[in-house]
Amino acid sequence: MSKHRRHRAREAALQILYQWEVGKVDVERAVETYFSRQWPYDKPPDESVRDFASVLARDTVSRLATIDPMIADTAERWRPERMAVVDRLILRLAVNELTTHSDTPPAVVIDEALELARTFSTEDAVKFINGMLDAIRKKLTNENR
C-alpha cells in the first residue's frame, strides 16, 4: 500500500477511535459508521485503506490494557484519561502500531503520529507526542535487546 494510502488509513483509524471514545459506541459500529456515512472524500476508500484503518482501530481498542500502562508509565504523573482526547488517541494508535506492526519502522510510525497531531491537534501536542513516542520507542528497543 502506498504511503499516501497508509496515511489516509491512519487518519481514518483516528477518527474511528474518536467516535468510539466520545460516542461511547462499539468499535465495530464506529468502523461501519465512519466508512458508510462519514468518509470525507468523494470516492469510496480503497479496500486496503478500509482494511488497514479497521485493523488499527480494532487492535488499539482490544489492546488498551497493554497500551495505556505504557503511556502512563512514560507520562509520569499524567494518566491517559487526563490527556486531551485526540492526543490520547494518537498516542494509543501509535503505541499499538509500534508494538504490533513490526513491518513498519518506528520512525515512520512516530512521523505519522506527528502528522496526525499537526492535522487534528496543536503544535504543543506535536511536541508532547513526539517526546512520549520517542521515550516509548527507546523502552521497547531496550526490552527487545
N, C-alpha and C. Protein backbone atom coordinates (compact mmCIF):
# COMPACT_ATOMS: atom_id res chain seq x y z
N MET A 1 0.85 -1.17 0.00
CA MET A 1 0.00 0.00 0.00
C MET A 1 0.90 1.24 0.00
N SER A 2 0.50 2.24 -0.74
CA SER A 2 1.31 3.45 -0.85
C SER A 2 1.33 4.23 0.46
N LYS A 3 2.34 5.10 0.58
CA LYS A 3 2.48 5.95 1.77
C LYS A 3 1.23 6.81 1.96
N HIS A 4 0.72 7.36 0.87
CA HIS A 4 -0.48 8.21 0.94
C HIS A 4 -1.69 7.43 1.46
N ARG A 5 -1.87 6.21 0.99
CA ARG A 5 -3.00 5.39 1.42
C ARG A 5 -2.86 4.99 2.89
N ARG A 6 -1.63 4.66 3.30
CA ARG A 6 -1.42 4.29 4.70
C ARG A 6 -1.71 5.49 5.61
N HIS A 7 -1.31 6.69 5.17
CA HIS A 7 -1.60 7.88 5.96
C HIS A 7 -3.11 8.12 6.05
N ARG A 8 -3.79 7.97 4.93
CA ARG A 8 -5.25 8.15 4.92
C ARG A 8 -5.91 7.11 5.84
N ALA A 9 -5.37 5.89 5.86
CA ALA A 9 -5.91 4.85 6.75
C ALA A 9 -5.69 5.21 8.21
N ARG A 10 -4.53 5.77 8.53
CA ARG A 10 -4.27 6.18 9.92
C ARG A 10 -5.21 7.33 10.32
N GLU A 11 -5.46 8.25 9.41
CA GLU A 11 -6.42 9.33 9.69
C GLU A 11 -7.79 8.73 9.97
N ALA A 12 -8.19 7.77 9.16
CA ALA A 12 -9.49 7.12 9.35
C ALA A 12 -9.53 6.38 10.68
N ALA A 13 -8.46 5.66 11.01
CA ALA A 13 -8.41 4.93 12.28
C ALA A 13 -8.55 5.89 13.46
N LEU A 14 -7.89 7.04 13.39
CA LEU A 14 -8.00 8.03 14.46
C LEU A 14 -9.43 8.52 14.59
N GLN A 15 -10.07 8.79 13.47
CA GLN A 15 -11.45 9.27 13.52
C GLN A 15 -12.42 8.20 14.00
N ILE A 16 -12.14 6.95 13.67
CA ILE A 16 -12.95 5.84 14.18
C ILE A 16 -12.78 5.75 15.70
N LEU A 17 -11.54 5.85 16.16
CA LEU A 17 -11.27 5.81 17.61
C LEU A 17 -11.94 6.98 18.33
N TYR A 18 -11.97 8.13 17.70
CA TYR A 18 -12.61 9.29 18.30
C TYR A 18 -14.11 9.03 18.47
N GLN A 19 -14.72 8.50 17.42
CA GLN A 19 -16.15 8.17 17.50
C GLN A 19 -16.40 7.12 18.58
N TRP A 20 -15.54 6.11 18.66
CA TRP A 20 -15.66 5.07 19.68
C TRP A 20 -15.55 5.68 21.08
N GLU A 21 -14.54 6.54 21.30
CA GLU A 21 -14.29 7.12 22.62
C GLU A 21 -15.36 8.13 23.03
N VAL A 22 -15.62 9.09 22.17
CA VAL A 22 -16.54 10.17 22.52
C VAL A 22 -17.99 9.72 22.41
N GLY A 23 -18.29 8.95 21.38
CA GLY A 23 -19.66 8.50 21.16
C GLY A 23 -20.04 7.30 22.00
N LYS A 24 -19.04 6.70 22.67
CA LYS A 24 -19.28 5.52 23.51
C LYS A 24 -20.01 4.42 22.73
N VAL A 25 -19.54 4.19 21.49
CA VAL A 25 -20.11 3.13 20.67
C VAL A 25 -19.10 2.01 20.52
N ASP A 26 -19.59 0.85 20.18
CA ASP A 26 -18.74 -0.30 19.90
C ASP A 26 -17.82 0.03 18.73
N VAL A 27 -16.59 -0.46 18.77
CA VAL A 27 -15.63 -0.14 17.71
C VAL A 27 -16.11 -0.64 16.35
N GLU A 28 -16.80 -1.76 16.31
CA GLU A 28 -17.32 -2.27 15.03
C GLU A 28 -18.33 -1.30 14.44
N ARG A 29 -19.17 -0.77 15.30
CA ARG A 29 -20.17 0.21 14.83
C ARG A 29 -19.48 1.49 14.37
N ALA A 30 -18.45 1.90 15.10
CA ALA A 30 -17.71 3.11 14.71
C ALA A 30 -17.06 2.92 13.34
N VAL A 31 -16.49 1.74 13.09
CA VAL A 31 -15.88 1.44 11.79
C VAL A 31 -16.93 1.55 10.69
N GLU A 32 -18.03 0.87 10.89
CA GLU A 32 -19.09 0.85 9.87
C GLU A 32 -19.65 2.25 9.62
N THR A 33 -19.92 2.99 10.68
CA THR A 33 -20.48 4.34 10.54
C THR A 33 -19.50 5.26 9.82
N TYR A 34 -18.24 5.16 10.18
CA TYR A 34 -17.25 6.04 9.56
C TYR A 34 -17.20 5.80 8.04
N PHE A 35 -17.07 4.57 7.63
CA PHE A 35 -16.91 4.29 6.21
C PHE A 35 -18.21 4.41 5.42
N SER A 36 -19.36 4.24 6.06
CA SER A 36 -20.62 4.32 5.33
C SER A 36 -21.21 5.74 5.33
N ARG A 37 -20.91 6.54 6.37
CA ARG A 37 -21.57 7.85 6.48
C ARG A 37 -20.63 9.04 6.63
N GLN A 38 -19.40 8.81 7.08
CA GLN A 38 -18.54 9.93 7.41
C GLN A 38 -17.27 10.02 6.58
N TRP A 39 -17.07 9.12 5.65
CA TRP A 39 -15.88 9.16 4.80
C TRP A 39 -15.85 10.52 4.10
N PRO A 40 -14.79 11.31 4.31
CA PRO A 40 -14.80 12.70 3.86
C PRO A 40 -14.46 12.93 2.38
N TYR A 41 -14.22 11.89 1.62
CA TYR A 41 -13.80 12.05 0.23
C TYR A 41 -14.91 11.61 -0.72
N ASP A 42 -14.89 12.15 -1.93
CA ASP A 42 -15.92 11.82 -2.93
C ASP A 42 -15.89 10.35 -3.32
N LYS A 43 -14.69 9.85 -3.52
CA LYS A 43 -14.52 8.46 -3.96
C LYS A 43 -14.47 7.55 -2.74
N PRO A 44 -15.18 6.42 -2.75
CA PRO A 44 -15.12 5.49 -1.61
C PRO A 44 -13.68 5.02 -1.37
N PRO A 45 -13.37 4.63 -0.14
CA PRO A 45 -12.00 4.23 0.16
C PRO A 45 -11.62 2.92 -0.52
N ASP A 46 -10.34 2.82 -0.87
CA ASP A 46 -9.82 1.54 -1.36
C ASP A 46 -10.02 0.51 -0.26
N GLU A 47 -10.18 -0.72 -0.66
CA GLU A 47 -10.33 -1.80 0.32
C GLU A 47 -9.11 -1.87 1.24
N SER A 48 -7.92 -1.60 0.70
CA SER A 48 -6.71 -1.66 1.52
C SER A 48 -6.72 -0.57 2.60
N VAL A 49 -7.23 0.60 2.27
CA VAL A 49 -7.32 1.69 3.25
C VAL A 49 -8.32 1.31 4.34
N ARG A 50 -9.47 0.84 3.92
CA ARG A 50 -10.51 0.44 4.87
C ARG A 50 -10.01 -0.68 5.79
N ASP A 51 -9.36 -1.68 5.20
CA ASP A 51 -8.89 -2.81 5.98
C ASP A 51 -7.82 -2.40 6.99
N PHE A 52 -6.84 -1.61 6.55
CA PHE A 52 -5.76 -1.19 7.45
C PHE A 52 -6.31 -0.31 8.57
N ALA A 53 -7.18 0.63 8.25
CA ALA A 53 -7.77 1.51 9.26
C ALA A 53 -8.58 0.69 10.27
N SER A 54 -9.34 -0.26 9.78
CA SER A 54 -10.17 -1.09 10.66
C SER A 54 -9.31 -1.94 11.59
N VAL A 55 -8.26 -2.52 11.06
CA VAL A 55 -7.35 -3.33 11.89
C VAL A 55 -6.69 -2.46 12.96
N LEU A 56 -6.20 -1.29 12.55
CA LEU A 56 -5.56 -0.40 13.53
C LEU A 56 -6.53 -0.01 14.65
N ALA A 57 -7.74 0.37 14.29
CA ALA A 57 -8.72 0.79 15.30
C ALA A 57 -9.10 -0.38 16.22
N ARG A 58 -9.41 -1.52 15.64
CA ARG A 58 -9.80 -2.69 16.44
C ARG A 58 -8.66 -3.14 17.36
N ASP A 59 -7.45 -3.22 16.81
CA ASP A 59 -6.30 -3.65 17.61
C ASP A 59 -6.04 -2.68 18.76
N THR A 60 -6.16 -1.40 18.48
CA THR A 60 -5.91 -0.39 19.52
C THR A 60 -6.90 -0.57 20.66
N VAL A 61 -8.17 -0.70 20.33
CA VAL A 61 -9.20 -0.87 21.36
C VAL A 61 -8.98 -2.17 22.14
N SER A 62 -8.67 -3.24 21.44
CA SER A 62 -8.52 -4.54 22.11
C SER A 62 -7.27 -4.61 22.98
N ARG A 63 -6.30 -3.74 22.74
CA ARG A 63 -5.03 -3.79 23.48
C ARG A 63 -4.86 -2.66 24.50
N LEU A 64 -5.95 -1.97 24.84
CA LEU A 64 -5.84 -0.84 25.78
C LEU A 64 -5.21 -1.24 27.11
N ALA A 65 -5.47 -2.45 27.58
CA ALA A 65 -4.91 -2.89 28.87
C ALA A 65 -3.38 -2.97 28.82
N THR A 66 -2.82 -3.10 27.65
CA THR A 66 -1.37 -3.09 27.48
C THR A 66 -0.85 -1.70 27.12
N ILE A 67 -1.59 -1.03 26.26
CA ILE A 67 -1.16 0.28 25.74
C ILE A 67 -1.19 1.38 26.81
N ASP A 68 -2.31 1.51 27.52
CA ASP A 68 -2.44 2.61 28.47
C ASP A 68 -1.39 2.60 29.58
N PRO A 69 -1.04 1.44 30.14
CA PRO A 69 0.04 1.45 31.14
C PRO A 69 1.38 1.93 30.56
N MET A 70 1.66 1.60 29.31
CA MET A 70 2.90 2.08 28.69
C MET A 70 2.89 3.60 28.59
N ILE A 71 1.75 4.14 28.22
CA ILE A 71 1.62 5.60 28.11
C ILE A 71 1.72 6.23 29.50
N ALA A 72 1.02 5.66 30.47
CA ALA A 72 1.03 6.21 31.83
C ALA A 72 2.42 6.16 32.45
N ASP A 73 3.14 5.07 32.25
CA ASP A 73 4.50 4.94 32.78
C ASP A 73 5.43 5.98 32.19
N THR A 74 5.21 6.31 30.94
CA THR A 74 6.08 7.27 30.25
C THR A 74 5.69 8.70 30.58
N ALA A 75 4.42 8.94 30.83
CA ALA A 75 3.92 10.31 31.04
C ALA A 75 4.19 10.86 32.44
N GLU A 76 4.61 10.04 33.38
CA GLU A 76 4.89 10.50 34.74
C GLU A 76 3.87 11.53 35.24
N ARG A 77 3.02 11.10 36.11
CA ARG A 77 2.01 11.94 36.75
C ARG A 77 0.87 12.35 35.81
N TRP A 78 0.80 11.76 34.64
CA TRP A 78 -0.30 12.05 33.72
C TRP A 78 -0.92 10.74 33.29
N ARG A 79 -2.08 10.43 33.83
CA ARG A 79 -2.80 9.25 33.38
C ARG A 79 -3.39 9.54 32.00
N PRO A 80 -3.46 8.54 31.14
CA PRO A 80 -4.00 8.77 29.79
C PRO A 80 -5.38 9.44 29.79
N GLU A 81 -6.23 9.08 30.75
CA GLU A 81 -7.58 9.66 30.76
C GLU A 81 -7.59 11.16 31.06
N ARG A 82 -6.47 11.70 31.55
CA ARG A 82 -6.38 13.14 31.82
C ARG A 82 -5.86 13.92 30.61
N MET A 83 -5.37 13.22 29.62
CA MET A 83 -4.84 13.87 28.41
C MET A 83 -6.00 14.30 27.51
N ALA A 84 -5.72 15.25 26.63
CA ALA A 84 -6.72 15.64 25.63
C ALA A 84 -7.10 14.40 24.82
N VAL A 85 -8.36 14.27 24.49
CA VAL A 85 -8.86 13.07 23.82
C VAL A 85 -8.08 12.75 22.55
N VAL A 86 -7.91 13.72 21.69
CA VAL A 86 -7.24 13.46 20.41
C VAL A 86 -5.78 13.05 20.65
N ASP A 87 -5.11 13.72 21.57
CA ASP A 87 -3.71 13.38 21.85
C ASP A 87 -3.60 11.96 22.41
N ARG A 88 -4.50 11.62 23.30
CA ARG A 88 -4.51 10.27 23.88
C ARG A 88 -4.74 9.22 22.79
N LEU A 89 -5.66 9.49 21.88
CA LEU A 89 -5.97 8.54 20.82
C LEU A 89 -4.81 8.40 19.83
N ILE A 90 -4.14 9.50 19.53
CA ILE A 90 -2.96 9.43 18.65
C ILE A 90 -1.88 8.58 19.31
N LEU A 91 -1.65 8.81 20.60
CA LEU A 91 -0.66 8.01 21.33
C LEU A 91 -1.04 6.53 21.33
N ARG A 92 -2.29 6.24 21.63
CA ARG A 92 -2.73 4.85 21.67
C ARG A 92 -2.54 4.18 20.31
N LEU A 93 -2.95 4.87 19.27
CA LEU A 93 -2.82 4.33 17.92
C LEU A 93 -1.36 4.05 17.58
N ALA A 94 -0.49 5.00 17.88
CA ALA A 94 0.93 4.83 17.57
C ALA A 94 1.58 3.74 18.42
N VAL A 95 1.26 3.69 19.70
CA VAL A 95 1.84 2.64 20.56
C VAL A 95 1.37 1.28 20.09
N ASN A 96 0.11 1.18 19.71
CA ASN A 96 -0.37 -0.08 19.16
C ASN A 96 0.46 -0.48 17.94
N GLU A 97 0.67 0.47 17.05
CA GLU A 97 1.41 0.16 15.83
C GLU A 97 2.89 -0.16 16.13
N LEU A 98 3.46 0.56 17.08
CA LEU A 98 4.86 0.29 17.45
C LEU A 98 5.04 -1.13 18.01
N THR A 99 4.03 -1.61 18.71
CA THR A 99 4.15 -2.89 19.39
C THR A 99 3.59 -4.07 18.61
N THR A 100 2.83 -3.83 17.55
CA THR A 100 2.23 -4.96 16.83
C THR A 100 2.54 -5.01 15.34
N HIS A 101 2.98 -3.93 14.77
CA HIS A 101 3.21 -3.89 13.32
C HIS A 101 4.70 -3.69 13.06
N SER A 102 5.46 -4.74 13.29
CA SER A 102 6.92 -4.65 13.19
C SER A 102 7.40 -4.40 11.77
N ASP A 103 6.52 -4.54 10.79
CA ASP A 103 6.92 -4.28 9.40
C ASP A 103 7.02 -2.78 9.11
N THR A 104 6.48 -1.95 10.00
CA THR A 104 6.57 -0.50 9.84
C THR A 104 7.67 0.01 10.76
N PRO A 105 8.68 0.69 10.20
CA PRO A 105 9.76 1.21 11.04
C PRO A 105 9.24 2.20 12.09
N PRO A 106 9.77 2.15 13.31
CA PRO A 106 9.33 3.06 14.36
C PRO A 106 9.36 4.53 13.95
N ALA A 107 10.38 4.93 13.20
CA ALA A 107 10.46 6.34 12.77
C ALA A 107 9.26 6.73 11.92
N VAL A 108 8.78 5.80 11.11
CA VAL A 108 7.61 6.07 10.27
C VAL A 108 6.36 6.19 11.13
N VAL A 109 6.20 5.30 12.09
CA VAL A 109 5.05 5.34 12.98
C VAL A 109 5.02 6.67 13.73
N ILE A 110 6.15 7.08 14.25
CA ILE A 110 6.23 8.34 15.00
C ILE A 110 5.94 9.53 14.09
N ASP A 111 6.53 9.54 12.90
CA ASP A 111 6.29 10.63 11.96
C ASP A 111 4.81 10.73 11.60
N GLU A 112 4.19 9.58 11.38
CA GLU A 112 2.75 9.58 11.07
C GLU A 112 1.92 10.12 12.24
N ALA A 113 2.29 9.75 13.46
CA ALA A 113 1.59 10.27 14.64
C ALA A 113 1.74 11.79 14.72
N LEU A 114 2.91 12.29 14.42
CA LEU A 114 3.13 13.73 14.45
C LEU A 114 2.31 14.43 13.37
N GLU A 115 2.19 13.82 12.21
CA GLU A 115 1.35 14.39 11.16
C GLU A 115 -0.12 14.42 11.60
N LEU A 116 -0.57 13.37 12.27
CA LEU A 116 -1.94 13.36 12.79
C LEU A 116 -2.13 14.48 13.81
N ALA A 117 -1.15 14.66 14.67
CA ALA A 117 -1.23 15.73 15.67
C ALA A 117 -1.25 17.10 15.00
N ARG A 118 -0.45 17.28 13.96
CA ARG A 118 -0.46 18.57 13.24
C ARG A 118 -1.82 18.84 12.61
N THR A 119 -2.47 17.79 12.14
CA THR A 119 -3.76 17.93 11.48
C THR A 119 -4.90 18.10 12.47
N PHE A 120 -4.89 17.32 13.57
CA PHE A 120 -6.05 17.24 14.44
C PHE A 120 -5.85 17.86 15.82
N SER A 121 -4.65 18.33 16.15
CA SER A 121 -4.41 18.87 17.50
C SER A 121 -3.61 20.16 17.40
N THR A 122 -2.70 20.38 18.33
CA THR A 122 -1.98 21.65 18.41
C THR A 122 -0.47 21.42 18.26
N GLU A 123 0.27 22.48 18.08
CA GLU A 123 1.72 22.38 17.98
C GLU A 123 2.33 21.87 19.30
N ASP A 124 1.74 22.30 20.43
CA ASP A 124 2.21 21.78 21.72
C ASP A 124 1.99 20.27 21.80
N ALA A 125 0.88 19.80 21.25
CA ALA A 125 0.60 18.37 21.24
C ALA A 125 1.63 17.62 20.40
N VAL A 126 2.06 18.23 19.29
CA VAL A 126 3.06 17.60 18.43
C VAL A 126 4.34 17.35 19.24
N LYS A 127 4.77 18.34 20.00
CA LYS A 127 5.98 18.21 20.82
C LYS A 127 5.79 17.14 21.91
N PHE A 128 4.64 17.18 22.57
CA PHE A 128 4.33 16.21 23.63
C PHE A 128 4.33 14.78 23.07
N ILE A 129 3.62 14.58 21.97
CA ILE A 129 3.51 13.26 21.37
C ILE A 129 4.87 12.77 20.89
N ASN A 130 5.65 13.66 20.31
CA ASN A 130 6.99 13.29 19.86
C ASN A 130 7.85 12.80 21.03
N GLY A 131 7.84 13.55 22.13
CA GLY A 131 8.62 13.15 23.30
C GLY A 131 8.14 11.83 23.89
N MET A 132 6.83 11.67 23.98
CA MET A 132 6.26 10.43 24.53
C MET A 132 6.62 9.23 23.66
N LEU A 133 6.41 9.35 22.37
CA LEU A 133 6.65 8.21 21.49
C LEU A 133 8.13 7.88 21.36
N ASP A 134 8.97 8.89 21.40
CA ASP A 134 10.40 8.62 21.36
C ASP A 134 10.83 7.85 22.61
N ALA A 135 10.31 8.25 23.77
CA ALA A 135 10.64 7.55 25.01
C ALA A 135 10.12 6.11 24.99
N ILE A 136 8.91 5.92 24.50
CA ILE A 136 8.33 4.57 24.42
C ILE A 136 9.13 3.72 23.43
N ARG A 137 9.51 4.31 22.30
CA ARG A 137 10.32 3.58 21.30
C ARG A 137 11.63 3.12 21.93
N LYS A 138 12.27 4.00 22.70
CA LYS A 138 13.54 3.64 23.35
C LYS A 138 13.34 2.50 24.35
N LYS A 139 12.27 2.57 25.14
CA LYS A 139 11.97 1.49 26.09
C LYS A 139 11.77 0.17 25.35
N LEU A 140 11.02 0.20 24.27
CA LEU A 140 10.75 -1.02 23.51
C LEU A 140 12.03 -1.57 22.89
N THR A 141 12.88 -0.69 22.39
CA THR A 141 14.16 -1.13 21.83
C THR A 141 15.02 -1.79 22.88
N ASN A 142 15.07 -1.19 24.07
CA ASN A 142 15.87 -1.76 25.16
C ASN A 142 15.31 -3.10 25.63
N GLU A 143 13.99 -3.26 25.65
CA GLU A 143 13.37 -4.51 26.06
C GLU A 143 13.64 -5.63 25.07
N ASN A 144 13.79 -5.28 23.79
CA ASN A 144 13.98 -6.29 22.75
C ASN A 144 15.44 -6.66 22.52
N ARG A 145 16.34 -6.12 23.32
CA ARG A 145 17.77 -6.45 23.16
C ARG A 145 18.11 -7.70 23.92
